[in-house]
Protein backbone atom coordinates (compact mmCIF):
# COMPACT_ATOMS: atom_id res chain seq x y z
CA UNK A 1 10.44 -23.15 -1.78
CA UNK A 2 7.33 -24.76 -2.50
CA UNK A 3 5.19 -21.59 -2.48
CA UNK A 4 7.14 -20.71 -5.91
CA UNK A 5 5.73 -23.82 -7.61
CA UNK A 6 2.24 -23.49 -6.11
CA UNK A 7 1.84 -19.76 -7.21
CA UNK A 8 3.64 -19.53 -10.35
CA UNK A 9 3.93 -21.83 -13.45
CA UNK A 10 7.48 -22.82 -12.70
CA UNK A 11 7.29 -26.59 -12.07
CA UNK A 12 10.90 -27.02 -10.89
CA UNK A 13 12.03 -23.71 -8.80
CA UNK A 14 15.58 -23.44 -8.05
CA UNK A 15 16.03 -22.09 -4.28
CA UNK A 16 19.48 -20.48 -5.24
CA UNK A 17 17.95 -18.33 -8.14
CA UNK A 18 14.85 -17.43 -5.99
CA UNK A 19 17.09 -16.15 -3.17
CA UNK A 20 19.30 -14.22 -5.70
CA UNK A 21 16.25 -12.04 -6.63
CA UNK A 22 15.58 -11.01 -2.92
CA UNK A 23 17.47 -7.75 -3.49
CA UNK A 24 15.52 -7.08 -6.59
CA UNK A 25 12.18 -7.64 -4.50
CA UNK A 26 13.24 -5.49 -1.75
CA UNK A 27 14.42 -2.54 -4.24
CA UNK A 28 10.92 -2.99 -6.22
CA UNK A 29 9.24 -2.50 -2.85
CA UNK A 30 11.14 0.47 -1.67
CA UNK A 31 10.78 2.29 -4.82
CA UNK A 32 6.98 1.96 -4.60
CA UNK A 33 6.84 2.59 -0.98
CA UNK A 34 9.00 5.68 -1.35
CA UNK A 35 6.95 6.95 -4.20
CA UNK A 36 3.48 6.61 -2.32
CA UNK A 37 4.92 8.03 1.08
CA UNK A 38 6.16 11.12 -0.95
CA UNK A 39 2.54 11.48 -2.53
CA UNK A 40 0.95 10.60 0.67
CA UNK A 41 2.90 12.64 3.41
CA UNK A 42 3.04 16.06 1.02
CA UNK A 43 -0.60 16.52 0.61
CA UNK A 44 -1.76 19.28 2.61
CA UNK A 45 -4.26 17.09 4.64
CA UNK A 46 -1.81 14.71 5.43
CA UNK A 47 0.68 17.37 6.81
CA UNK A 48 -2.19 18.60 9.14
CA UNK A 49 -2.84 15.02 10.38
CA UNK A 50 0.78 14.31 10.87
CA UNK A 51 1.18 17.44 12.96
CA UNK A 52 -0.91 15.87 15.28
CA UNK A 53 -0.56 11.86 14.97
CA UNK A 54 3.35 11.73 13.73
CA UNK A 55 5.17 15.17 14.08
CA UNK A 56 8.33 13.49 13.96
CA UNK A 57 7.72 12.94 10.48
CA UNK A 58 9.96 14.83 7.56
CA UNK A 59 7.47 17.52 6.79
CA UNK A 60 5.71 18.31 10.13
CA UNK A 61 9.25 18.38 11.77
CA UNK A 62 10.26 21.01 9.23
CA UNK A 63 13.21 18.61 7.54
CA UNK A 64 11.96 19.24 4.26
CA UNK A 65 8.81 21.30 2.70
CA UNK A 66 5.73 19.84 1.12
CA UNK A 67 6.57 22.06 -2.17
CA UNK A 68 10.11 20.21 -2.06
CA UNK A 69 8.65 16.81 -1.70
CA UNK A 70 6.21 17.81 -4.40
CA UNK A 71 9.02 18.59 -6.76
CA UNK A 72 11.03 15.55 -5.93
CA UNK A 73 8.04 13.31 -7.27
CA UNK A 74 8.66 14.77 -10.60
CA UNK A 75 11.88 12.88 -10.55
CA UNK A 76 10.81 9.92 -8.75
CA UNK A 77 7.85 8.91 -10.85
CA UNK A 78 9.65 8.34 -14.08
CA UNK A 79 12.49 6.63 -12.30
CA UNK A 80 10.36 4.28 -10.54
CA UNK A 81 8.52 3.58 -14.03
CA UNK A 82 11.81 3.04 -15.68
CA UNK A 83 13.33 0.74 -12.86
CA UNK A 84 10.08 -1.50 -13.08
CA UNK A 85 10.65 -2.04 -16.85
CA UNK A 86 13.94 -3.70 -15.90
CA UNK A 87 12.82 -5.30 -12.82
CA UNK A 88 9.10 -6.30 -13.49
CA UNK A 89 5.84 -5.43 -11.92
CA UNK A 90 5.50 -2.44 -14.30
CA UNK A 91 1.70 -2.95 -14.46
CA UNK A 92 1.50 -3.31 -10.46
CA UNK A 93 3.59 -0.14 -10.03
CA UNK A 94 1.57 2.02 -12.46
CA UNK A 95 -1.70 0.90 -10.83
CA UNK A 96 -0.26 1.72 -7.64
CA UNK A 97 0.52 5.32 -8.79
CA UNK A 98 -3.15 5.73 -9.89
CA UNK A 99 -4.29 4.36 -6.63
CA UNK A 100 -2.00 6.78 -4.85
CA UNK A 101 -3.58 9.63 -6.95
CA UNK A 102 -6.99 8.56 -6.21
CA UNK A 103 -6.25 7.97 -2.37
CA UNK A 104 -4.48 11.03 -1.81
CA UNK A 105 -5.29 13.87 -4.40
CA UNK A 106 -8.84 12.90 -5.00
CA UNK A 107 -9.84 12.30 -1.51
CA UNK A 108 -10.05 8.60 -1.69
CA UNK A 109 -8.81 8.25 1.89
CA UNK A 110 -11.20 10.70 3.47
CA UNK A 111 -14.33 10.94 1.81
CA UNK A 112 -15.73 7.49 2.14
CA UNK A 113 -15.14 4.75 4.55
CA UNK A 114 -15.57 1.96 1.99
CA UNK A 115 -13.47 3.61 -0.54
CA UNK A 116 -10.49 4.15 1.63
CA UNK A 117 -10.67 0.47 2.52
CA UNK A 118 -11.06 -0.64 -1.23
CA UNK A 119 -8.05 1.44 -2.24
CA UNK A 120 -5.76 0.24 0.55
CA UNK A 121 -6.79 -3.34 0.00
CA UNK A 122 -6.13 -3.21 -3.83
CA UNK A 123 -2.82 -1.32 -2.95
CA UNK A 124 -1.72 -4.62 -1.11
CA UNK A 125 -2.81 -6.76 -3.72
CA UNK A 126 -0.65 -4.76 -6.19
CA UNK A 127 2.12 -4.66 -3.85
CA UNK A 128 1.96 -8.43 -3.43
CA UNK A 129 1.60 -9.18 -6.91
CA UNK A 130 4.51 -7.09 -8.20
CA UNK A 131 6.77 -8.55 -5.68
CA UNK A 132 5.68 -12.12 -6.62
CA UNK A 133 6.47 -11.32 -10.27
CA UNK A 134 9.89 -10.13 -9.29
CA UNK A 135 10.78 -12.94 -7.18
CA UNK A 136 9.48 -15.46 -10.10
CA UNK A 137 11.95 -13.84 -12.40
CA UNK A 138 10.63 -11.29 -14.83
CA UNK A 139 9.95 -12.53 -18.14
CA UNK A 140 10.78 -16.27 -16.98
CA UNK A 141 7.65 -17.29 -15.28
CA UNK A 142 4.10 -15.83 -14.60
CA UNK A 143 1.77 -16.24 -11.82
CA UNK A 144 -0.68 -18.92 -11.76
CA UNK A 145 -4.65 -19.09 -11.02
CA UNK A 146 -3.98 -20.11 -7.55
CA UNK A 147 -1.83 -16.69 -6.91
CA UNK A 148 -4.95 -14.98 -7.88
CA UNK A 149 -6.80 -16.54 -5.18
CA UNK A 150 -4.21 -15.77 -2.58
CA UNK A 151 -3.94 -12.13 -3.60
CA UNK A 152 -7.75 -12.05 -3.37
CA UNK A 153 -7.40 -13.07 0.15
CA UNK A 154 -4.82 -10.51 1.08
CA UNK A 155 -7.10 -8.05 -0.41
CA UNK A 156 -10.13 -9.18 1.56
CA UNK A 157 -8.09 -9.14 4.76
CA UNK A 158 -7.04 -5.53 4.33
CA UNK A 159 -10.38 -4.35 3.11
CA UNK A 160 -12.17 -5.86 6.33
CA UNK A 161 -9.51 -4.88 9.05
CA UNK A 162 -7.86 -1.60 7.92
CA UNK A 163 -10.35 0.30 10.30
CA UNK A 164 -8.86 -1.48 13.30
CA UNK A 165 -5.78 1.18 13.17
CA UNK A 166 -7.95 4.10 13.10
CA UNK A 167 -8.20 4.00 16.97
CA UNK A 168 -4.73 5.40 17.29
CA UNK A 169 -5.04 8.05 14.61
CA UNK A 170 -8.53 9.59 15.71
CA UNK A 171 -7.50 13.06 16.60
CA UNK A 172 -5.24 13.39 13.41
CA UNK A 173 -8.14 11.76 11.47
CA UNK A 174 -10.72 14.52 12.92
CA UNK A 175 -8.43 17.45 12.37
CA UNK A 176 -8.25 16.53 8.63
CA UNK A 177 -11.90 15.43 8.33
CA UNK A 178 -11.35 12.09 7.36
CA UNK A 179 -14.39 9.82 7.43
CA UNK A 180 -13.42 6.86 9.54
CA UNK A 181 -15.96 4.08 11.19
CA UNK A 182 -15.10 5.78 14.41
CA UNK A 183 -15.88 9.24 13.41
CA UNK A 184 -18.73 8.61 11.29
CA UNK A 185 -20.74 5.89 13.17
CA UNK A 186 -19.45 6.63 16.73
CA UNK A 187 -17.43 4.91 19.59
CA UNK A 188 -20.03 2.14 20.01
CA UNK A 189 -20.17 0.89 16.76
CA UNK A 190 -16.68 1.21 16.09
CA UNK A 191 -15.84 -1.03 18.93
CA UNK A 192 -18.97 -3.29 17.95
CA UNK A 193 -17.06 -4.00 14.71
CA UNK A 194 -13.58 -4.30 15.88
CA UNK A 195 -14.69 -6.67 18.41
CA UNK A 196 -16.57 -8.64 15.51
CA UNK A 197 -13.65 -8.70 13.31
CA UNK A 198 -11.27 -9.74 16.22
CA UNK A 199 -13.73 -12.51 17.04
CA UNK A 200 -13.45 -13.80 13.44
CA UNK A 201 -10.07 -13.69 13.00
CA UNK A 202 -9.45 -15.79 15.94
């Protein structure tokens, strides 16, 4: 459990205590991911994209409507917020809510290539930071400066590699009007970018 003392101010971490918090970490992640999925998949543009790329999802397959999903959000948002007051990671959770609003409702995922990557990178930072705070023990220990560097590295990886997943989603992205490297700069430029990133990663 060396990572615990490296990334937090706890100089003598107890393995049993850390392991006992795993269910809380899982719950924190599930709640925040569930909230994002509801926001993301209920947006009209997302429904249009999923009808092409992922027709098995709940809304395009007809198991629930977008309106019902949006209504569910009115209940889920305060529940997630209240849960984080107990679990920890409240700041990260609220920031994820704001980021989700920017990503889905304000067009951050569609209108600018760089903005989409920035929002995703920042989202991963918040998700990781919140998880670490819950694992460290809410109110008991805090993240240190080394954790900031680690979180920044996670964000940088997502920022520079996220576009690699666009290859599989090109048809749905085109249908919803999303601006990706592949659709904006063309096939050759996209493959050059992906090849360069793959080379650097190896």
